[in-house]
Amino acid sequence: MKKQRIIAVCASASHYSKLEELRNRLKKLGYKVILPKTARKMIKSGDFETSKHKVWFKDKSAYKIKTQLIKAHLKEIEKCDAILVTNYEKNGLQGYIGGNVLIEMAAAFMGKKPIFILNPIDDELGIKEEIYGLNSIFIDGNLDLIKDGLKSR
């Protein structure tokens, strides 16, 4: 029996409202899908107001929560076969990828896991060199390309 492949989804919190549909599409393709803990919480509650979850902006001592969330998703990335970066428009930049997702991409890279990026990135994105330098695989919205990228693994 063929082992079910695990995809860890990495996204900006402002994009979490789009992840349930994406998770369902990936499941239909046969993948086990891991979403960030806060994304799962937001989906369950139906409340996607990021400021309610990013409590550290108001209380610096709450950054320990952010630290725990980072560690938890990095542990999930260790268990996966690949990551999928869901990079939608944010702040006028197409294909936005922020600092936290870049950390997750670096972890996947160090773990020799394919890094699939859902959408093209804007030339104005300040971290584009790093994104390209991590051997990212751009799939232009075509989730079927993940299968091809995993075949050689």
N, C-alpha and C. Protein backbone atom coordinates (compact mmCIF):
# COMPACT_ATOMS: atom_id res chain seq x y z
N MET A 1 0.83 -1.18 0.00
CA MET A 1 0.00 0.00 0.00
C MET A 1 0.87 1.25 0.00
N LYS A 2 0.50 2.21 -0.81
CA LYS A 2 1.27 3.43 -0.95
C LYS A 2 1.06 4.35 0.24
N LYS A 3 2.16 4.88 0.76
CA LYS A 3 2.11 5.78 1.91
C LYS A 3 1.44 7.10 1.53
N GLN A 4 0.54 7.57 2.39
CA GLN A 4 -0.12 8.85 2.14
C GLN A 4 0.89 9.97 2.40
N ARG A 5 1.03 10.85 1.43
CA ARG A 5 1.96 11.98 1.55
C ARG A 5 1.36 13.07 2.43
N ILE A 6 2.23 13.72 3.20
CA ILE A 6 1.81 14.77 4.12
C ILE A 6 2.30 16.12 3.61
N ILE A 7 1.37 17.05 3.51
CA ILE A 7 1.68 18.41 3.08
C ILE A 7 1.42 19.35 4.25
N ALA A 8 2.42 20.11 4.65
CA ALA A 8 2.23 21.16 5.67
C ALA A 8 1.99 22.47 4.92
N VAL A 9 0.92 23.14 5.26
CA VAL A 9 0.58 24.41 4.62
C VAL A 9 1.18 25.53 5.45
N CYS A 10 1.81 26.47 4.76
CA CYS A 10 2.41 27.64 5.40
C CYS A 10 1.79 28.89 4.77
N ALA A 11 1.34 29.80 5.62
CA ALA A 11 0.63 30.98 5.11
C ALA A 11 0.69 32.12 6.11
N SER A 12 0.54 33.31 5.60
CA SER A 12 0.35 34.48 6.45
C SER A 12 -1.00 34.33 7.14
N ALA A 13 -1.09 34.75 8.40
CA ALA A 13 -2.35 34.64 9.14
C ALA A 13 -3.49 35.36 8.43
N SER A 14 -3.18 36.39 7.69
CA SER A 14 -4.22 37.13 6.97
C SER A 14 -4.83 36.30 5.83
N HIS A 15 -4.21 35.18 5.50
CA HIS A 15 -4.70 34.30 4.44
C HIS A 15 -5.41 33.05 4.98
N TYR A 16 -5.51 32.91 6.30
CA TYR A 16 -6.05 31.69 6.89
C TYR A 16 -7.49 31.40 6.46
N SER A 17 -8.24 32.42 6.11
CA SER A 17 -9.64 32.19 5.70
C SER A 17 -9.73 31.38 4.41
N LYS A 18 -8.66 31.31 3.66
CA LYS A 18 -8.65 30.57 2.40
C LYS A 18 -8.19 29.12 2.56
N LEU A 19 -7.75 28.77 3.74
CA LEU A 19 -7.09 27.47 3.91
C LEU A 19 -8.02 26.27 4.01
N GLU A 20 -9.24 26.46 4.47
CA GLU A 20 -10.15 25.32 4.57
C GLU A 20 -10.46 24.76 3.19
N GLU A 21 -10.76 25.62 2.25
CA GLU A 21 -11.04 25.17 0.89
C GLU A 21 -9.81 24.50 0.29
N LEU A 22 -8.66 25.10 0.50
CA LEU A 22 -7.41 24.53 -0.01
C LEU A 22 -7.14 23.16 0.61
N ARG A 23 -7.35 23.04 1.91
CA ARG A 23 -7.16 21.75 2.60
C ARG A 23 -8.07 20.69 1.99
N ASN A 24 -9.31 21.05 1.73
CA ASN A 24 -10.26 20.10 1.14
C ASN A 24 -9.82 19.67 -0.26
N ARG A 25 -9.32 20.60 -1.03
CA ARG A 25 -8.83 20.27 -2.38
C ARG A 25 -7.63 19.32 -2.30
N LEU A 26 -6.72 19.58 -1.37
CA LEU A 26 -5.54 18.72 -1.21
C LEU A 26 -5.94 17.33 -0.73
N LYS A 27 -6.92 17.26 0.17
CA LYS A 27 -7.40 15.95 0.66
C LYS A 27 -8.00 15.14 -0.48
N LYS A 28 -8.73 15.80 -1.36
CA LYS A 28 -9.32 15.10 -2.51
C LYS A 28 -8.25 14.54 -3.43
N LEU A 29 -7.08 15.17 -3.42
CA LEU A 29 -5.95 14.68 -4.22
C LEU A 29 -5.19 13.57 -3.49
N GLY A 30 -5.62 13.24 -2.27
CA GLY A 30 -5.02 12.12 -1.54
C GLY A 30 -3.98 12.48 -0.50
N TYR A 31 -3.82 13.76 -0.19
CA TYR A 31 -2.81 14.17 0.78
C TYR A 31 -3.39 14.29 2.18
N LYS A 32 -2.55 14.02 3.16
CA LYS A 32 -2.85 14.40 4.54
C LYS A 32 -2.35 15.83 4.66
N VAL A 33 -3.15 16.71 5.26
CA VAL A 33 -2.83 18.13 5.28
C VAL A 33 -2.69 18.63 6.71
N ILE A 34 -1.60 19.34 6.95
CA ILE A 34 -1.37 19.95 8.25
C ILE A 34 -1.46 21.46 8.09
N LEU A 35 -2.36 22.07 8.84
CA LEU A 35 -2.50 23.53 8.85
C LEU A 35 -1.89 24.08 10.13
N PRO A 36 -1.47 25.34 10.12
CA PRO A 36 -0.99 25.95 11.36
C PRO A 36 -2.08 25.92 12.44
N LYS A 37 -1.67 25.82 13.69
CA LYS A 37 -2.60 25.71 14.81
C LYS A 37 -3.61 26.86 14.83
N THR A 38 -3.16 28.08 14.64
CA THR A 38 -4.08 29.22 14.67
C THR A 38 -5.06 29.16 13.51
N ALA A 39 -4.62 28.67 12.36
CA ALA A 39 -5.53 28.52 11.22
C ALA A 39 -6.64 27.53 11.56
N ARG A 40 -6.27 26.42 12.19
CA ARG A 40 -7.28 25.42 12.59
C ARG A 40 -8.28 26.04 13.56
N LYS A 41 -7.77 26.82 14.49
CA LYS A 41 -8.61 27.49 15.48
C LYS A 41 -9.57 28.48 14.80
N MET A 42 -9.05 29.27 13.87
CA MET A 42 -9.87 30.25 13.16
C MET A 42 -10.95 29.57 12.32
N ILE A 43 -10.59 28.49 11.65
CA ILE A 43 -11.55 27.76 10.82
C ILE A 43 -12.66 27.20 11.70
N LYS A 44 -12.27 26.62 12.82
CA LYS A 44 -13.26 26.03 13.73
C LYS A 44 -14.24 27.08 14.26
N SER A 45 -13.72 28.27 14.61
CA SER A 45 -14.57 29.32 15.16
C SER A 45 -15.27 30.15 14.10
N GLY A 46 -14.71 30.15 12.87
CA GLY A 46 -15.26 30.99 11.81
C GLY A 46 -14.85 32.45 11.96
N ASP A 47 -13.96 32.75 12.90
CA ASP A 47 -13.51 34.12 13.15
C ASP A 47 -12.08 34.27 12.64
N PHE A 48 -11.93 35.07 11.59
CA PHE A 48 -10.62 35.23 10.96
C PHE A 48 -9.99 36.59 11.25
N GLU A 49 -10.42 37.24 12.31
CA GLU A 49 -9.86 38.53 12.71
C GLU A 49 -8.49 38.27 13.36
N THR A 50 -7.43 38.57 12.63
CA THR A 50 -6.08 38.21 13.09
C THR A 50 -5.69 38.93 14.38
N SER A 51 -6.17 40.14 14.59
CA SER A 51 -5.78 40.89 15.78
C SER A 51 -6.23 40.19 17.07
N LYS A 52 -7.27 39.39 17.00
CA LYS A 52 -7.74 38.65 18.18
C LYS A 52 -6.76 37.54 18.57
N HIS A 53 -6.00 37.08 17.61
CA HIS A 53 -5.06 35.98 17.85
C HIS A 53 -3.64 36.47 18.08
N LYS A 54 -3.29 37.59 17.48
CA LYS A 54 -1.94 38.13 17.64
C LYS A 54 -1.90 39.06 18.85
N VAL A 55 -2.12 38.48 20.01
CA VAL A 55 -2.21 39.25 21.25
C VAL A 55 -0.87 39.90 21.64
N TRP A 56 0.20 39.42 21.10
CA TRP A 56 1.53 39.96 21.42
C TRP A 56 1.72 41.38 20.90
N PHE A 57 0.89 41.81 19.95
CA PHE A 57 0.99 43.19 19.49
C PHE A 57 0.60 44.18 20.60
N LYS A 58 -0.31 43.76 21.46
CA LYS A 58 -0.76 44.62 22.56
C LYS A 58 -0.01 44.36 23.85
N ASP A 59 0.52 43.15 23.99
CA ASP A 59 1.20 42.76 25.22
C ASP A 59 2.48 42.02 24.84
N LYS A 60 3.59 42.72 24.92
CA LYS A 60 4.88 42.15 24.50
C LYS A 60 5.22 40.86 25.25
N SER A 61 4.74 40.70 26.47
CA SER A 61 5.04 39.47 27.21
C SER A 61 4.36 38.25 26.58
N ALA A 62 3.40 38.49 25.72
CA ALA A 62 2.68 37.40 25.05
C ALA A 62 3.45 36.86 23.84
N TYR A 63 4.61 37.40 23.55
CA TYR A 63 5.41 36.84 22.45
C TYR A 63 5.78 35.38 22.70
N LYS A 64 5.72 34.94 23.94
CA LYS A 64 5.98 33.52 24.22
C LYS A 64 4.96 32.64 23.50
N ILE A 65 3.76 33.16 23.29
CA ILE A 65 2.74 32.43 22.53
C ILE A 65 3.19 32.29 21.08
N LYS A 66 3.68 33.38 20.52
CA LYS A 66 4.18 33.36 19.14
C LYS A 66 5.32 32.35 19.03
N THR A 67 6.20 32.34 20.01
CA THR A 67 7.32 31.39 20.02
C THR A 67 6.80 29.95 20.00
N GLN A 68 5.80 29.67 20.82
CA GLN A 68 5.23 28.32 20.87
C GLN A 68 4.59 27.94 19.54
N LEU A 69 3.91 28.89 18.90
CA LEU A 69 3.28 28.62 17.60
C LEU A 69 4.32 28.33 16.53
N ILE A 70 5.39 29.10 16.53
CA ILE A 70 6.48 28.87 15.57
C ILE A 70 7.06 27.47 15.77
N LYS A 71 7.40 27.15 17.01
CA LYS A 71 7.98 25.83 17.30
C LYS A 71 7.04 24.70 16.89
N ALA A 72 5.76 24.85 17.18
CA ALA A 72 4.79 23.80 16.87
C ALA A 72 4.72 23.55 15.37
N HIS A 73 4.68 24.61 14.56
CA HIS A 73 4.56 24.38 13.12
C HIS A 73 5.88 23.87 12.53
N LEU A 74 7.00 24.28 13.10
CA LEU A 74 8.28 23.74 12.63
C LEU A 74 8.37 22.24 12.91
N LYS A 75 7.82 21.80 14.03
CA LYS A 75 7.78 20.35 14.32
C LYS A 75 6.90 19.62 13.32
N GLU A 76 5.80 20.25 12.91
CA GLU A 76 4.92 19.66 11.90
C GLU A 76 5.65 19.55 10.56
N ILE A 77 6.43 20.56 10.25
CA ILE A 77 7.20 20.55 8.99
C ILE A 77 8.19 19.39 8.98
N GLU A 78 8.76 19.08 10.13
CA GLU A 78 9.69 17.94 10.24
C GLU A 78 9.01 16.64 9.81
N LYS A 79 7.71 16.50 10.09
CA LYS A 79 6.97 15.27 9.82
C LYS A 79 6.43 15.18 8.39
N CYS A 80 6.42 16.29 7.68
CA CYS A 80 5.75 16.30 6.37
C CYS A 80 6.69 15.85 5.25
N ASP A 81 6.07 15.63 4.08
CA ASP A 81 6.85 15.28 2.88
C ASP A 81 7.19 16.50 2.06
N ALA A 82 6.41 17.57 2.22
CA ALA A 82 6.62 18.81 1.48
C ALA A 82 5.82 19.91 2.17
N ILE A 83 6.15 21.17 1.83
CA ILE A 83 5.31 22.27 2.29
C ILE A 83 4.68 22.95 1.08
N LEU A 84 3.53 23.53 1.34
CA LEU A 84 2.85 24.35 0.33
C LEU A 84 2.68 25.74 0.92
N VAL A 85 3.32 26.70 0.31
CA VAL A 85 3.21 28.10 0.73
C VAL A 85 2.04 28.72 -0.02
N THR A 86 1.05 29.16 0.75
CA THR A 86 -0.14 29.77 0.15
C THR A 86 0.04 31.28 0.21
N ASN A 87 0.52 31.81 -0.85
CA ASN A 87 0.89 33.22 -0.92
C ASN A 87 -0.09 33.99 -1.79
N TYR A 88 -0.99 34.67 -1.14
CA TYR A 88 -1.97 35.50 -1.84
C TYR A 88 -1.55 36.96 -1.71
N GLU A 89 -2.34 37.85 -2.27
CA GLU A 89 -2.05 39.28 -2.21
C GLU A 89 -2.19 39.79 -0.78
N LYS A 90 -1.26 40.66 -0.39
CA LYS A 90 -1.33 41.33 0.91
C LYS A 90 -0.59 42.66 0.79
N ASN A 91 -1.18 43.68 1.32
CA ASN A 91 -0.56 45.02 1.31
C ASN A 91 -0.14 45.46 -0.10
N GLY A 92 -0.94 45.08 -1.08
CA GLY A 92 -0.66 45.48 -2.46
C GLY A 92 0.40 44.65 -3.17
N LEU A 93 0.94 43.64 -2.50
CA LEU A 93 1.95 42.78 -3.11
C LEU A 93 1.31 41.46 -3.51
N GLN A 94 1.41 41.11 -4.77
CA GLN A 94 0.93 39.81 -5.24
C GLN A 94 1.89 38.74 -4.75
N GLY A 95 1.35 37.62 -4.31
CA GLY A 95 2.19 36.50 -3.89
C GLY A 95 2.98 36.79 -2.63
N TYR A 96 2.37 37.51 -1.70
CA TYR A 96 3.04 37.92 -0.46
C TYR A 96 3.53 36.72 0.36
N ILE A 97 4.77 36.81 0.80
CA ILE A 97 5.36 35.86 1.75
C ILE A 97 6.05 36.69 2.81
N GLY A 98 5.70 36.45 4.06
CA GLY A 98 6.29 37.20 5.16
C GLY A 98 7.41 36.46 5.86
N GLY A 99 7.92 37.08 6.89
CA GLY A 99 9.06 36.55 7.64
C GLY A 99 8.82 35.19 8.26
N ASN A 100 7.66 34.98 8.85
CA ASN A 100 7.40 33.70 9.51
C ASN A 100 7.37 32.56 8.49
N VAL A 101 6.75 32.80 7.35
CA VAL A 101 6.70 31.75 6.32
C VAL A 101 8.10 31.51 5.76
N LEU A 102 8.90 32.55 5.67
CA LEU A 102 10.28 32.35 5.21
C LEU A 102 11.05 31.45 6.18
N ILE A 103 10.81 31.60 7.48
CA ILE A 103 11.43 30.71 8.47
C ILE A 103 11.00 29.27 8.20
N GLU A 104 9.72 29.07 7.95
CA GLU A 104 9.20 27.73 7.68
C GLU A 104 9.78 27.15 6.39
N MET A 105 9.94 28.01 5.40
CA MET A 105 10.55 27.56 4.14
C MET A 105 11.99 27.13 4.37
N ALA A 106 12.73 27.87 5.18
CA ALA A 106 14.12 27.52 5.47
C ALA A 106 14.19 26.18 6.20
N ALA A 107 13.24 25.94 7.11
CA ALA A 107 13.21 24.66 7.83
C ALA A 107 12.96 23.52 6.85
N ALA A 108 12.03 23.70 5.92
CA ALA A 108 11.75 22.67 4.92
C ALA A 108 12.99 22.44 4.06
N PHE A 109 13.64 23.51 3.67
CA PHE A 109 14.85 23.42 2.84
C PHE A 109 15.93 22.61 3.57
N MET A 110 16.14 22.92 4.84
CA MET A 110 17.16 22.21 5.62
C MET A 110 16.78 20.74 5.81
N GLY A 111 15.48 20.46 5.82
CA GLY A 111 15.01 19.08 5.93
C GLY A 111 14.91 18.38 4.60
N LYS A 112 15.40 19.03 3.55
CA LYS A 112 15.41 18.48 2.18
C LYS A 112 14.00 18.13 1.69
N LYS A 113 13.05 19.00 2.05
CA LYS A 113 11.66 18.80 1.63
C LYS A 113 11.32 19.80 0.53
N PRO A 114 10.56 19.37 -0.47
CA PRO A 114 10.17 20.31 -1.52
C PRO A 114 9.33 21.45 -0.97
N ILE A 115 9.57 22.62 -1.53
CA ILE A 115 8.83 23.83 -1.15
C ILE A 115 8.01 24.24 -2.36
N PHE A 116 6.71 24.01 -2.28
CA PHE A 116 5.81 24.41 -3.36
C PHE A 116 5.20 25.75 -3.01
N ILE A 117 5.18 26.64 -3.98
CA ILE A 117 4.59 27.96 -3.78
C ILE A 117 3.42 28.10 -4.72
N LEU A 118 2.26 28.40 -4.13
CA LEU A 118 1.00 28.40 -4.86
C LEU A 118 0.95 29.41 -5.99
N ASN A 119 1.39 30.63 -5.74
CA ASN A 119 1.26 31.72 -6.73
C ASN A 119 2.60 32.37 -7.02
N PRO A 120 2.72 33.03 -8.16
CA PRO A 120 3.94 33.79 -8.44
C PRO A 120 4.13 34.89 -7.40
N ILE A 121 5.35 35.35 -7.22
CA ILE A 121 5.61 36.43 -6.28
C ILE A 121 5.85 37.74 -7.03
N ASP A 122 5.55 38.82 -6.36
CA ASP A 122 5.73 40.17 -6.88
C ASP A 122 7.23 40.48 -6.92
N ASP A 123 7.68 41.13 -7.98
CA ASP A 123 9.09 41.53 -8.07
C ASP A 123 9.50 42.48 -6.96
N GLU A 124 8.52 43.15 -6.35
CA GLU A 124 8.81 44.11 -5.27
C GLU A 124 8.94 43.45 -3.90
N LEU A 125 8.70 42.15 -3.82
CA LEU A 125 8.79 41.45 -2.54
C LEU A 125 10.26 41.45 -2.09
N GLY A 126 10.50 42.01 -0.91
CA GLY A 126 11.86 42.21 -0.42
C GLY A 126 12.68 40.95 -0.20
N ILE A 127 12.02 39.82 -0.05
CA ILE A 127 12.75 38.57 0.23
C ILE A 127 12.76 37.62 -0.97
N LYS A 128 12.56 38.16 -2.16
CA LYS A 128 12.46 37.29 -3.34
C LYS A 128 13.75 36.51 -3.59
N GLU A 129 14.91 37.10 -3.31
CA GLU A 129 16.17 36.37 -3.51
C GLU A 129 16.21 35.10 -2.66
N GLU A 130 15.77 35.23 -1.41
CA GLU A 130 15.78 34.09 -0.51
C GLU A 130 14.78 33.04 -0.96
N ILE A 131 13.63 33.49 -1.43
CA ILE A 131 12.60 32.55 -1.89
C ILE A 131 13.12 31.74 -3.07
N TYR A 132 13.72 32.41 -4.03
CA TYR A 132 14.29 31.70 -5.19
C TYR A 132 15.48 30.84 -4.76
N GLY A 133 16.27 31.34 -3.81
CA GLY A 133 17.46 30.62 -3.36
C GLY A 133 17.15 29.33 -2.62
N LEU A 134 15.93 29.16 -2.14
CA LEU A 134 15.53 27.94 -1.44
C LEU A 134 15.01 26.87 -2.40
N ASN A 135 15.26 27.06 -3.70
CA ASN A 135 14.83 26.10 -4.73
C ASN A 135 13.32 25.87 -4.72
N SER A 136 12.59 26.94 -4.51
CA SER A 136 11.13 26.87 -4.47
C SER A 136 10.56 26.44 -5.82
N ILE A 137 9.47 25.70 -5.75
CA ILE A 137 8.79 25.21 -6.96
C ILE A 137 7.46 25.95 -7.07
N PHE A 138 7.36 26.80 -8.07
CA PHE A 138 6.14 27.59 -8.27
C PHE A 138 5.14 26.76 -9.07
N ILE A 139 3.92 26.65 -8.54
CA ILE A 139 2.93 25.79 -9.21
C ILE A 139 1.78 26.58 -9.83
N ASP A 140 1.83 27.89 -9.74
CA ASP A 140 0.83 28.76 -10.38
C ASP A 140 -0.61 28.29 -10.16
N GLY A 141 -0.92 27.92 -8.93
CA GLY A 141 -2.28 27.54 -8.58
C GLY A 141 -2.67 26.12 -8.93
N ASN A 142 -1.80 25.37 -9.60
CA ASN A 142 -2.10 24.02 -10.06
C ASN A 142 -1.61 22.98 -9.05
N LEU A 143 -2.51 22.54 -8.18
CA LEU A 143 -2.15 21.59 -7.12
C LEU A 143 -1.71 20.24 -7.67
N ASP A 144 -2.10 19.92 -8.89
CA ASP A 144 -1.67 18.65 -9.51
C ASP A 144 -0.15 18.59 -9.68
N LEU A 145 0.50 19.75 -9.74
CA LEU A 145 1.95 19.77 -9.93
C LEU A 145 2.71 19.29 -8.69
N ILE A 146 2.04 19.26 -7.54
CA ILE A 146 2.68 18.76 -6.33
C ILE A 146 3.04 17.29 -6.51
N LYS A 147 2.13 16.54 -7.07
CA LYS A 147 2.36 15.11 -7.31
C LYS A 147 3.62 14.89 -8.14
N ASP A 148 3.77 15.67 -9.20
CA ASP A 148 4.95 15.57 -10.06
C ASP A 148 6.22 15.89 -9.28
N GLY A 149 6.14 16.92 -8.43
CA GLY A 149 7.30 17.32 -7.64
C GLY A 149 7.69 16.33 -6.58
N LEU A 150 6.73 15.52 -6.15
CA LEU A 150 7.01 14.50 -5.12
C LEU A 150 7.43 13.16 -5.70
N LYS A 151 7.21 12.97 -6.98
CA LYS A 151 7.51 11.66 -7.62
C LYS A 151 8.97 11.26 -7.44
N SER A 152 9.84 12.22 -7.54
CA SER A 152 11.27 11.90 -7.46
C SER A 152 11.74 11.68 -6.03
N ARG A 153 10.86 11.75 -5.08
CA ARG A 153 11.25 11.62 -3.66
C ARG A 153 10.93 10.25 -3.12
